[in-house]
C-alpha atoms as a PDB file:
ATOM      1  CA  MET A   1     -53.105 -16.356  38.966  1.00  0.00           C
ATOM      2  CA  ASP A   2     -52.248 -12.908  40.190  1.00  0.00           C
ATOM      3  CA  VAL A   3     -49.798 -13.192  43.113  1.00  0.00           C
ATOM      4  CA  PRO A   4     -50.887 -10.799  46.500  1.00  0.00           C
ATOM      5  CA  PRO A   5     -48.340  -8.276  46.901  1.00  0.00           C
ATOM      6  CA  GLU A   6     -46.425  -8.378  50.533  1.00  0.00           C
ATOM      7  CA  PRO A   7     -48.082  -6.503  53.601  1.00  0.00           C
ATOM      8  CA  GLU A   8     -45.878  -3.618  54.620  1.00  0.00           C
ATOM      9  CA  VAL A   9     -44.780  -4.875  58.048  1.00  0.00           C
ATOM     10  CA  ARG A  10     -42.344  -7.698  59.431  1.00  0.00           C
ATOM     11  CA  ALA A  11     -43.567 -10.168  60.669  1.00  0.00           C
ATOM     12  CA  ILE A  12     -42.819 -12.635  62.881  1.00  0.00           C
ATOM     13  CA  GLU A  13     -42.957 -16.522  61.759  1.00  0.00           C
ATOM     14  CA  GLY A  14     -42.445 -20.005  62.961  1.00  0.00           C
ATOM     15  CA  SER A  15     -39.524 -21.863  60.498  1.00  0.00           C
ATOM     16  CA  LEU A  16     -39.303 -25.399  60.028  1.00  0.00           C
ATOM     17  CA  ASN A  17     -35.956 -26.424  62.167  1.00  0.00           C
ATOM     18  CA  ALA A  18     -36.535 -28.571  64.653  1.00  0.00           C
ATOM     19  CA  LEU A  19     -32.712 -29.351  66.155  1.00  0.00           C
ATOM     20  CA  GLY A  20     -32.723 -29.026  69.724  1.00  0.00           C
ATOM     21  CA  ARG A  21     -36.749 -29.111  70.642  1.00  0.00           C
ATOM     22  CA  HIS A  22     -38.563 -31.787  72.690  1.00  0.00           C
ATOM     23  CA  PHE A  23     -41.852 -32.876  71.165  1.00  0.00           C
ATOM     24  CA  ALA A  24     -44.305 -34.751  72.601  1.00  0.00           C
ATOM     25  CA  ILE A  25     -46.947 -37.131  70.585  1.00  0.00           C
ATOM     26  CA  VAL A  26     -49.920 -38.648  72.338  1.00  0.00           C
ATOM     27  CA  VAL A  27     -51.803 -41.211  69.509  1.00  0.00           C
ATOM     28  CA  SER A  28     -54.638 -43.200  69.920  1.00  0.00           C
ATOM     29  CA  ARG A  29     -54.453 -46.601  69.891  1.00  0.00           C
ATOM     30  CA  PHE A  30     -58.971 -46.555  69.434  1.00  0.00           C
ATOM     31  CA  ASN A  31     -58.137 -47.290  64.993  1.00  0.00           C
ATOM     32  CA  ALA A  32     -54.462 -48.267  65.268  1.00  0.00           C
ATOM     33  CA  PHE A  33     -54.612 -49.234  61.714  1.00  0.00           C
ATOM     34  CA  ILE A  34     -55.484 -45.151  60.721  1.00  0.00           C
ATOM     35  CA  THR A  35     -53.353 -43.658  64.023  1.00  0.00           C
ATOM     36  CA  GLU A  36     -50.124 -45.914  63.464  1.00  0.00           C
ATOM     37  CA  ARG A  37     -50.067 -44.480  60.332  1.00  0.00           C
ATOM     38  CA  LEU A  38     -50.003 -41.076  61.522  1.00  0.00           C
ATOM     39  CA  LEU A  39     -48.088 -42.057  63.865  1.00  0.00           C
ATOM     40  CA  MET A  40     -45.398 -42.873  61.632  1.00  0.00           C
ATOM     41  CA  SER A  41     -45.859 -40.004  59.476  1.00  0.00           C
ATOM     42  CA  ALA A  42     -45.569 -37.863  61.910  1.00  0.00           C
ATOM     43  CA  ILE A  43     -42.048 -39.183  63.592  1.00  0.00           C
ATOM     44  CA  ASP A  44     -40.801 -38.901  60.528  1.00  0.00           C
ATOM     45  CA  GLY A  45     -41.904 -35.341  59.977  1.00  0.00           C
ATOM     46  CA  LEU A  46     -39.873 -34.050  62.708  1.00  0.00           C
ATOM     47  CA  VAL A  47     -36.890 -36.085  62.279  1.00  0.00           C
ATOM     48  CA  ARG A  48     -37.285 -34.482  58.615  1.00  0.00           C
ATOM     49  CA  SER A  49     -37.351 -31.220  60.286  1.00  0.00           C
ATOM     50  CA  GLY A  50     -34.230 -31.584  62.541  1.00  0.00           C
ATOM     51  CA  ALA A  51     -35.662 -33.229  65.527  1.00  0.00           C
ATOM     52  CA  GLU A  52     -33.058 -36.154  67.684  1.00  0.00           C
ATOM     53  CA  LYS A  53     -35.509 -39.019  67.783  1.00  0.00           C
ATOM     54  CA  THR A  54     -33.913 -38.827  71.609  1.00  0.00           C
ATOM     55  CA  ASN A  55     -36.224 -35.412  72.093  1.00  0.00           C
ATOM     56  CA  ILE A  56     -39.569 -37.197  71.205  1.00  0.00           C
ATOM     57  CA  ASP A  57     -41.818 -39.201  73.599  1.00  0.00           C
ATOM     58  CA  LEU A  58     -44.529 -40.836  72.402  1.00  0.00           C
ATOM     59  CA  VAL A  59     -47.380 -41.798  74.741  1.00  0.00           C
ATOM     60  CA  ARG A  60     -50.691 -44.233  73.481  1.00  0.00           C
ATOM     61  CA  VAL A  61     -53.754 -43.386  75.318  1.00  0.00           C
ATOM     62  CA  PRO A  62     -57.146 -45.603  74.740  1.00  0.00           C
ATOM     63  CA  GLY A  63     -59.642 -43.548  72.573  1.00  0.00           C
ATOM     64  CA  ALA A  64     -59.394 -40.178  71.389  1.00  0.00           C
ATOM     65  CA  PHE A  65     -61.298 -38.740  74.467  1.00  0.00           C
ATOM     66  CA  GLU A  66     -58.526 -39.047  76.077  1.00  0.00           C
ATOM     67  CA  ILE A  67     -56.011 -37.287  74.210  1.00  0.00           C
ATOM     68  CA  PRO A  68     -56.340 -33.965  75.867  1.00  0.00           C
ATOM     69  CA  LEU A  69     -56.001 -35.026  79.453  1.00  0.00           C
ATOM     70  CA  ALA A  70     -52.512 -37.057  78.627  1.00  0.00           C
ATOM     71  CA  ALA A  71     -51.545 -33.697  76.190  1.00  0.00           C
ATOM     72  CA  ARG A  72     -51.986 -31.000  78.976  1.00  0.00           C
ATOM     73  CA  GLY A  73     -50.386 -33.537  81.769  1.00  0.00           C
ATOM     74  CA  LEU A  74     -47.173 -32.977  78.968  1.00  0.00           C
ATOM     75  CA  ALA A  75     -47.246 -29.769  78.487  1.00  0.00           C
ATOM     76  CA  GLU A  76     -47.477 -28.524  82.395  1.00  0.00           C
ATOM     77  CA  THR A  77     -44.094 -29.934  83.232  1.00  0.00           C
ATOM     78  CA  GLY A  78     -43.102 -27.956  81.083  1.00  0.00           C
ATOM     79  CA  ASN A  79     -40.552 -29.716  79.226  1.00  0.00           C
ATOM     80  CA  TYR A  80     -41.583 -29.940  75.942  1.00  0.00           C
ATOM     81  CA  ASP A  81     -41.387 -27.237  72.768  1.00  0.00           C
ATOM     82  CA  ALA A  82     -45.097 -28.578  71.161  1.00  0.00           C
ATOM     83  CA  ILE A  83     -47.669 -31.378  71.568  1.00  0.00           C
ATOM     84  CA  ILE A  84     -48.535 -33.309  68.886  1.00  0.00           C
ATOM     85  CA  CYS A  85     -52.476 -35.165  69.238  1.00  0.00           C
ATOM     86  CA  LEU A  86     -52.775 -38.092  66.774  1.00  0.00           C
ATOM     87  CA  GLY A  87     -56.488 -40.144  66.376  1.00  0.00           C
ATOM     88  CA  CYS A  88     -59.093 -41.253  64.061  1.00  0.00           C
ATOM     89  CA  LEU A  89     -62.758 -40.844  65.033  1.00  0.00           C
ATOM     90  CA  LEU A  90     -65.073 -42.507  62.186  1.00  0.00           C
ATOM     91  CA  ARG A  91     -68.578 -41.216  62.272  1.00  0.00           C
ATOM     92  CA  GLY A  92     -71.164 -44.240  63.157  1.00  0.00           C
ATOM     93  CA  ASP A  93     -75.229 -44.851  63.721  1.00  0.00           C
ATOM     94  CA  THR A  94     -75.296 -42.873  67.266  1.00  0.00           C
ATOM     95  CA  ALA A  95     -75.086 -39.490  68.127  1.00  0.00           C
ATOM     96  CA  HIS A  96     -72.122 -40.812  69.715  1.00  0.00           C
ATOM     97  CA  TYR A  97     -69.182 -39.171  67.608  1.00  0.00           C
ATOM     98  CA  ASP A  98     -70.908 -35.424  67.708  1.00  0.00           C
ATOM     99  CA  VAL A  99     -70.404 -36.394  71.824  1.00  0.00           C
ATOM    100  CA  ILE A 100     -66.162 -36.836  71.503  1.00  0.00           C
ATOM    101  CA  VAL A 101     -65.299 -34.505  68.631  1.00  0.00           C
ATOM    102  CA  ASN A 102     -66.604 -31.619  70.481  1.00  0.00           C
ATOM    103  CA  GLU A 103     -65.083 -32.664  73.604  1.00  0.00           C
ATOM    104  CA  VAL A 104     -61.499 -33.414  71.573  1.00  0.00           C
ATOM    105  CA  THR A 105     -62.028 -30.333  70.188  1.00  0.00           C
ATOM    106  CA  ARG A 106     -62.521 -28.923  72.796  1.00  0.00           C
ATOM    107  CA  GLY A 107     -60.116 -30.488  75.382  1.00  0.00           C
ATOM    108  CA  ILE A 108     -57.053 -29.715  73.173  1.00  0.00           C
ATOM    109  CA  GLY A 109     -57.543 -26.348  72.126  1.00  0.00           C
ATOM    110  CA  GLN A 110     -57.662 -25.353  75.923  1.00  0.00           C
ATOM    111  CA  SER A 111     -55.407 -27.572  76.605  1.00  0.00           C
ATOM    112  CA  ALA A 112     -52.595 -25.459  74.104  1.00  0.00           C
ATOM    113  CA  GLN A 113     -54.767 -22.202  75.385  1.00  0.00           C
ATOM    114  CA  GLU A 114     -54.257 -22.664  79.484  1.00  0.00           C
ATOM    115  CA  THR A 115     -50.753 -23.840  79.122  1.00  0.00           C
ATOM    116  CA  GLY A 116     -48.912 -21.935  76.370  1.00  0.00           C
ATOM    117  CA  VAL A 117     -48.003 -24.713  75.254  1.00  0.00           C
ATOM    118  CA  PRO A 118     -48.400 -25.585  70.779  1.00  0.00           C
ATOM    119  CA  HIS A 119     -51.339 -29.010  70.008  1.00  0.00           C
ATOM    120  CA  ALA A 120     -51.459 -29.409  67.145  1.00  0.00           C
ATOM    121  CA  PHE A 121     -54.384 -31.128  66.377  1.00  0.00           C
ATOM    122  CA  GLY A 122     -53.944 -34.078  64.203  1.00  0.00           C
ATOM    123  CA  VAL A 123     -57.149 -36.240  64.406  1.00  0.00           C
ATOM    124  CA  LEU A 124     -58.841 -37.868  61.694  1.00  0.00           C
ATOM    125  CA  THR A 125     -62.817 -37.021  62.005  1.00  0.00           C
ATOM    126  CA  CYS A 126     -64.095 -38.610  58.431  1.00  0.00           C
ATOM    127  CA  GLU A 127     -67.093 -39.821  57.942  1.00  0.00           C
ATOM    128  CA  ASN A 128     -66.260 -43.722  56.698  1.00  0.00           C
ATOM    129  CA  LEU A 129     -63.028 -45.574  57.096  1.00  0.00           C
ATOM    130  CA  GLU A 130     -62.185 -45.291  52.956  1.00  0.00           C
ATOM    131  CA  GLN A 131     -61.878 -40.631  54.239  1.00  0.00           C
ATOM    132  CA  ALA A 132     -59.353 -41.927  56.580  1.00  0.00           C
ATOM    133  CA  ILE A 133     -56.937 -43.714  54.872  1.00  0.00           C
ATOM    134  CA  ASP A 134     -57.210 -41.200  52.104  1.00  0.00           C
ATOM    135  CA  ARG A 135     -56.462 -38.778  55.276  1.00  0.00           C
ATOM    136  CA  ALA A 136     -53.244 -41.347  56.028  1.00  0.00           C
ATOM    137  CA  GLY A 137     -51.163 -41.045  53.553  1.00  0.00           C
ATOM    138  CA  LEU A 138     -53.162 -42.252  50.338  1.00  0.00           C
ATOM    139  CA  LYS A 139     -54.555 -39.716  48.242  1.00  0.00           C
ATOM    140  CA  MET A 140     -54.810 -36.798  50.225  1.00  0.00           C
ATOM    141  CA  GLY A 141     -51.638 -36.486  52.004  1.00  0.00           C
ATOM    142  CA  ASN A 142     -51.030 -37.570  55.763  1.00  0.00           C
ATOM    143  CA  LYS A 143     -52.840 -35.887  58.956  1.00  0.00           C
ATOM    144  CA  GLY A 144     -49.557 -37.147  60.874  1.00  0.00           C
ATOM    145  CA  PHE A 145     -46.725 -35.503  59.237  1.00  0.00           C
ATOM    146  CA  GLU A 146     -49.066 -31.770  58.846  1.00  0.00           C
ATOM    147  CA  ALA A 147     -49.294 -31.995  62.328  1.00  0.00           C
ATOM    148  CA  ALA A 148     -45.338 -32.469  63.469  1.00  0.00           C
ATOM    149  CA  LEU A 149     -44.501 -29.565  60.793  1.00  0.00           C
ATOM    150  CA  ALA A 150     -47.232 -27.386  62.775  1.00  0.00           C
ATOM    151  CA  ALA A 151     -46.092 -28.793  65.635  1.00  0.00           C
ATOM    152  CA  VAL A 152     -42.534 -27.789  64.418  1.00  0.00           C
ATOM    153  CA  GLU A 153     -43.743 -23.819  63.052  1.00  0.00           C
ATOM    154  CA  MET A 154     -45.816 -23.220  66.254  1.00  0.00           C
ATOM    155  CA  ALA A 155     -42.598 -23.892  68.682  1.00  0.00           C
ATOM    156  CA  SER A 156     -40.308 -21.919  66.905  1.00  0.00           C
ATOM    157  CA  LEU A 157     -42.840 -18.686  66.141  1.00  0.00           C
ATOM    158  CA  ARG A 158     -43.832 -19.166  70.397  1.00  0.00           C
ATOM    159  CA  ALA A 159     -39.812 -18.993  70.291  1.00  0.00           C
ATOM    160  CA  ALA A 160     -39.860 -15.657  68.371  1.00  0.00           C
ATOM    161  CA  ILE A 161     -42.504 -14.296  69.777  1.00  0.00           C
ATOM    162  CA  SER A 162     -41.257 -14.548  73.435  1.00  0.00           C
ATOM    163  CA  HIS A 163     -37.978 -12.295  71.982  1.00  0.00           C
ATOM    164  CA  GLN A 164     -40.181  -9.500  71.375  1.00  0.00           C
ATOM    165  CA  PRO A 165     -39.242  -6.646  74.098  1.00  0.00           C
ATOM    166  CA  SER A 166     -42.332  -6.351  75.851  1.00  0.00           C
ATOM    167  CA  ALA A 167     -44.291  -3.529  74.732  1.00  0.00           C
ATOM    168  CA  PHE A 168     -44.766  -2.340  78.809  1.00  0.00           C
ATOM    169  CA  SER A 169     -40.810  -1.996  79.745  1.00  0.00           C
ATOM    170  CA  LYS A 170     -40.477   0.800  76.430  1.00  0.00           C
ATOM    171  CA  THR A 171     -43.700   2.628  78.444  1.00  0.00           C
ATOM    172  CA  LYS A 172     -42.231   5.620  80.883  1.00  0.00           C
ATOM    173  CA  ILE A 173     -44.606   5.896  83.830  1.00  0.00           C
ATOM    174  CA  PRO A 174     -44.084   9.975  84.621  1.00  0.00           C
ATOM    175  CA  ARG A 175     -42.608  10.751  87.810  1.00  0.00           C
ATOM    176  CA  SER A 176     -45.980  11.704  90.050  1.00  0.00           C
ATOM    177  CA  ALA A 177     -47.339   8.472  89.033  1.00  0.00           C
ATOM    178  CA  ARG A 178     -43.795   6.768  90.220  1.00  0.00           C
ATOM    179  CA  TYR A 179     -44.065   8.898  93.202  1.00  0.00           C
ATOM    180  CA  ASP A 180     -47.871   8.663  93.880  1.00  0.00           C
ATOM    181  CA  LYS A 181     -47.084   6.991  97.654  1.00  0.00           C
ATOM    182  CA  VAL A 182     -44.393   9.147  98.731  1.00  0.00           C
ATOM    183  CA  ASN A 183     -46.238  11.515  97.490  1.00  0.00           C
ATOM    184  CA  ALA A 184     -49.451  10.531  99.805  1.00  0.00           C
ATOM    185  CA  ARG A 185     -46.951  10.303 102.745  1.00  0.00           C
ATOM    186  CA  SER A 186     -46.398  13.742 102.452  1.00  0.00           C
ATOM    187  CA  ASP A 187     -49.879  14.143 102.559  1.00  0.00           C
ATOM    188  CA  LYS A 188     -50.479  13.051 105.284  1.00  0.00           C
ATOM    189  CA  SER A 189     -48.266  14.066 106.615  1.00  0.00           C
ATOM    190  CA  LYS A 190     -49.140  17.950 105.803  1.00  0.00           C
ATOM    191  CA  THR A 191     -52.637  17.347 107.146  1.00  0.00           C
ATOM    192  CA  SER A 192     -51.460  15.619 110.251  1.00  0.00           C
ATOM    193  CA  SER A 193     -48.906  18.681 111.051  1.00  0.00           C
ATOM    194  CA  ASN A 194     -52.174  21.330 110.052  1.00  0.00           C
ATOM    195  CA  LYS A 195     -53.800  19.274 112.397  1.00  0.00           C
ATOM    196  CA  THR A 196     -51.691  20.224 115.147  1.00  0.00           C
ATOM    197  CA  SER A 197     -50.581  23.410 114.346  1.00  0.00           C
ATOM    198  CA  ALA A 198     -55.034  24.412 114.580  1.00  0.00           C
ATOM    199  CA  LYS A 199     -54.843  23.417 117.840  1.00  0.00           C
ATOM    200  CA  THR A 200     -52.458  25.209 119.486  1.00  0.00           C
ATOM    201  CA  LYS A 201     -53.586  28.110 118.197  1.00  0.00           C
ATOM    202  CA  ARG A 202     -57.589  27.565 120.281  1.00  0.00           C
ATOM    203  CA  LYS A 203     -55.134  26.701 123.491  1.00  0.00           C
END
């Protein structure tokens, strides 16, 4: 298998170093048989990345629908470098599943975009319990662990981006633009002076 060539531009990337960073985990109690497995793996992922357990706060909510509100409240405190959202939704015989999935996904994404704090999406959306078990550590890895690593990397990336020099700081403002207000006052003064001179001449 051919390896694609590296682009000839500098890339800004995050690292998997959680040392000194603060994280919050929001986990749903509904389908706890699955979500507790996600939670344990998420904590494991953070600790393995260098996070201290004292810098990890855990918030439990009744179900997946309540995750976005709790995540938004945590993000708005400004105390966390990233929020990890964990839950499990299983499809039933009604449209309830689709409604909840859409709202949870939209709410978490909106919270991340509007607060600027990275949110890792660790909410399982499965057809049945067997699929959920596979994604909670059996056959297909553990979504909680993956969400934790994503949170660590995005927290690091956010910090890296914030240290980039702003494009606006490098832009030189033309002298004429810088003194628009001064010039405007000067022009107004000249106009006023001309009007006074004209009146004097007419007299």
